[in-house]
Protein backbone atom coordinates (compact mmCIF):
# COMPACT_ATOMS: atom_id res chain seq x y z
CA UNK A 1 -108.96 -123.17 -23.91
CA UNK A 2 -112.52 -123.58 -23.03
CA UNK A 3 -113.09 -126.35 -20.53
CA UNK A 4 -115.76 -128.97 -21.40
CA UNK A 5 -118.48 -127.25 -18.85
CA UNK A 6 -118.67 -124.49 -21.07
CA UNK A 7 -119.15 -126.34 -24.42
CA UNK A 8 -123.13 -126.51 -23.79
CA UNK A 9 -123.86 -123.45 -22.97
CA UNK A 10 -121.70 -122.39 -26.16
CA UNK A 11 -123.89 -124.98 -28.09
CA UNK A 12 -127.23 -123.79 -27.12
CA UNK A 13 -125.90 -119.92 -27.51
CA UNK A 14 -124.88 -121.41 -30.91
CA UNK A 15 -128.61 -123.44 -31.78
CA UNK A 16 -130.17 -119.81 -30.72
CA UNK A 17 -128.04 -117.83 -33.09
CA UNK A 18 -128.93 -120.10 -35.47
CA UNK A 19 -132.33 -119.73 -34.89
CA UNK A 20 -132.15 -115.98 -35.38
CA UNK A 21 -130.29 -115.96 -38.46
CA UNK A 22 -133.35 -118.55 -40.48
CA UNK A 23 -136.03 -116.66 -38.57
CA UNK A 24 -134.28 -113.15 -39.88
CA UNK A 25 -132.71 -114.46 -42.76
CA UNK A 26 -135.15 -114.21 -45.21
CA UNK A 27 -134.77 -110.40 -45.03
CA UNK A 28 -131.21 -109.96 -46.41
CA UNK A 29 -130.79 -107.60 -49.49
CA UNK A 30 -129.07 -108.84 -52.31
CA UNK A 31 -126.09 -105.94 -51.19
CA UNK A 32 -126.10 -107.41 -47.95
CA UNK A 33 -122.80 -108.81 -46.29
CA UNK A 34 -122.46 -112.64 -46.14
CA UNK A 35 -123.21 -115.03 -43.51
CA UNK A 36 -119.82 -114.92 -40.75
CA UNK A 37 -119.61 -116.32 -37.79
CA UNK A 38 -117.03 -114.63 -35.11
CA UNK A 39 -115.74 -116.20 -31.43
CA UNK A 40 -115.01 -114.12 -28.41
CA UNK A 41 -113.29 -115.31 -25.33
CA UNK A 42 -115.56 -113.19 -22.87
CA UNK A 43 -116.30 -108.85 -22.64
CA UNK A 44 -114.25 -106.51 -20.80
CA UNK A 45 -115.76 -103.93 -18.89
CA UNK A 46 -115.09 -100.46 -18.11
CA UNK A 47 -117.02 -99.19 -15.21
CA UNK A 48 -118.09 -96.08 -14.27
CA UNK A 49 -117.67 -96.31 -10.86
CA UNK A 50 -114.32 -98.01 -10.24
CA UNK A 51 -114.70 -97.40 -6.63
CA UNK A 52 -116.85 -100.69 -6.50
CA UNK A 53 -114.10 -103.38 -6.81
CA UNK A 54 -116.13 -105.20 -9.67
CA UNK A 55 -113.90 -107.81 -12.22
CA UNK A 56 -113.46 -106.05 -15.28
CA UNK A 57 -112.42 -108.86 -17.47
CA UNK A 58 -115.82 -111.56 -17.76
CA UNK A 59 -114.33 -114.33 -19.46
CA UNK A 60 -116.69 -117.15 -21.15
CA UNK A 61 -117.23 -118.35 -24.89
CA UNK A 62 -119.84 -116.18 -27.30
CA UNK A 63 -120.76 -116.73 -30.98
CA UNK A 64 -122.13 -113.82 -33.48
CA UNK A 65 -123.06 -114.66 -36.84
CA UNK A 66 -123.97 -112.05 -39.38
CA UNK A 67 -126.24 -112.90 -42.12
CA UNK A 68 -126.51 -109.25 -43.83
CA UNK A 69 -124.75 -105.72 -43.26
CA UNK A 70 -127.07 -104.65 -40.68
CA UNK A 71 -128.14 -107.82 -38.67
CA UNK A 72 -126.42 -110.42 -36.95
CA UNK A 73 -127.20 -112.49 -33.43
CA UNK A 74 -124.92 -113.33 -30.34
CA UNK A 75 -125.17 -116.05 -27.54
CA UNK A 76 -123.06 -117.17 -25.16
CA UNK A 77 -122.23 -117.24 -21.47
CA UNK A 78 -119.89 -115.19 -19.23
CA UNK A 79 -118.30 -114.31 -15.57
CA UNK A 80 -119.67 -111.26 -15.17
CA UNK A 81 -118.60 -108.01 -12.66
CA UNK A 82 -120.58 -109.50 -9.64
CA UNK A 83 -118.46 -113.27 -10.23
CA UNK A 84 -121.65 -114.72 -11.23
CA UNK A 85 -122.80 -116.57 -14.53
CA UNK A 86 -124.65 -114.76 -17.36
CA UNK A 87 -126.34 -116.64 -20.08
CA UNK A 88 -127.36 -114.14 -22.86
CA UNK A 89 -128.48 -114.29 -26.62
CA UNK A 90 -129.19 -111.16 -28.45
CA UNK A 91 -129.81 -110.03 -32.11
CA UNK A 92 -128.25 -107.15 -33.37
CA UNK A 93 -129.19 -104.29 -35.99
CA UNK A 94 -126.74 -101.80 -36.97
CA UNK A 95 -128.74 -99.78 -39.93
CA UNK A 96 -125.56 -96.97 -40.02
CA UNK A 97 -122.51 -97.75 -41.75
CA UNK A 98 -118.47 -96.30 -42.60
CA UNK A 99 -115.63 -97.30 -44.01
CA UNK A 100 -112.63 -96.25 -41.92
CA UNK A 101 -109.61 -96.97 -43.52
CA UNK A 102 -110.32 -100.87 -44.15
CA UNK A 103 -112.50 -100.89 -41.31
CA UNK A 104 -116.26 -101.59 -41.46
CA UNK A 105 -118.03 -99.63 -39.12
CA UNK A 106 -121.67 -100.33 -37.94
CA UNK A 107 -123.75 -98.54 -35.48
CA UNK A 108 -127.09 -99.49 -33.76
CA UNK A 109 -128.84 -100.84 -31.66
CA UNK A 110 -128.80 -104.72 -29.35
CA UNK A 111 -131.94 -105.98 -27.86
CA UNK A 112 -130.57 -109.02 -25.72
CA UNK A 113 -132.35 -111.74 -22.68
CA UNK A 114 -129.59 -111.48 -19.81
CA UNK A 115 -129.53 -113.69 -16.80
CA UNK A 116 -127.13 -113.50 -13.32
CA UNK A 117 -126.98 -110.64 -12.34
CA UNK A 118 -127.93 -110.99 -8.45
CA UNK A 119 -129.43 -107.75 -7.87
CA UNK A 120 -131.54 -107.13 -10.98
CA UNK A 121 -134.57 -109.77 -10.96
CA UNK A 122 -132.52 -111.73 -8.34
CA UNK A 123 -130.45 -113.03 -10.79
CA UNK A 124 -133.31 -114.34 -13.29
CA UNK A 125 -133.47 -113.29 -16.95
CA UNK A 126 -134.32 -109.59 -18.30
CA UNK A 127 -134.48 -107.62 -21.59
CA UNK A 128 -132.50 -104.84 -22.15
CA UNK A 129 -131.62 -102.59 -25.43
CA UNK A 130 -128.12 -101.84 -25.45
CA UNK A 131 -126.58 -99.24 -27.95
CA UNK A 132 -123.85 -101.00 -30.42
CA UNK A 133 -120.90 -100.22 -32.35
CA UNK A 134 -119.37 -102.94 -34.06
CA UNK A 135 -115.58 -102.25 -35.71
CA UNK A 136 -114.58 -105.03 -38.07
CA UNK A 137 -111.79 -105.89 -39.83
CA UNK A 138 -110.84 -109.21 -42.31
CA UNK A 139 -110.30 -111.41 -39.26
CA UNK A 140 -110.52 -109.28 -35.86
CA UNK A 141 -113.39 -107.15 -34.79
CA UNK A 142 -114.63 -105.55 -31.49
CA UNK A 143 -118.13 -104.40 -30.41
CA UNK A 144 -118.68 -101.64 -28.12
CA UNK A 145 -122.10 -101.35 -26.09
CA UNK A 146 -122.56 -98.92 -23.37
CA UNK A 147 -124.57 -100.56 -19.89
CA UNK A 148 -126.42 -98.00 -18.16
CA UNK A 149 -126.30 -97.73 -14.58
CA UNK A 150 -129.76 -98.87 -12.86
CA UNK A 151 -129.04 -97.75 -9.28
CA UNK A 152 -128.95 -100.69 -6.49
CA UNK A 153 -129.07 -103.42 -9.39
CA UNK A 154 -126.63 -102.73 -12.53
CA UNK A 155 -123.76 -101.23 -12.22
CA UNK A 156 -122.72 -98.64 -15.55
CA UNK A 157 -119.89 -99.55 -17.90
CA UNK A 158 -118.30 -99.50 -21.41
CA UNK A 159 -118.44 -103.39 -22.89
CA UNK A 160 -115.87 -104.39 -25.37
CA UNK A 161 -116.36 -108.14 -26.51
CA UNK A 162 -113.06 -108.78 -29.13
CA UNK A 163 -113.86 -111.24 -31.72
CA UNK A 164 -111.86 -113.16 -34.42
CA UNK A 165 -114.14 -114.27 -37.72
CA UNK A 166 -114.18 -117.97 -38.15
CA UNK A 167 -116.01 -118.29 -41.05
């Protein structure tokens, strides 16, 4: 499924997510959810400006670890909308929660570090906060984020990251 060239990126991402979990895990409250591990095959971007011919399908592996109801970390890599490689790691804080027909819904913010966007910092690393909405069932879920448009640098979109829980 994933070629061997992606495995080093996935390993580094998993280690980054684990590091965040270890650093923040001590703050988990008793009523919070147990540790969960999710895998994702990539991100789908619904761009606001469809006339630019940007990629909507952004394949690439990621791993997400949730160690409490409010806290998660995700790291991975994907081919971004400009057809360049992006690597990222983010912390998700979801303090708002609902239960809708057996689906857990959480809302909050993700703070992430990203690279690979050629018109933003010449493809170098940058930090960005993004609104985050997660919808999770027993084994399937999706994270939704709003990517802002930054004129001549970054093209805005709603990002859908589908995921499957493996632990």
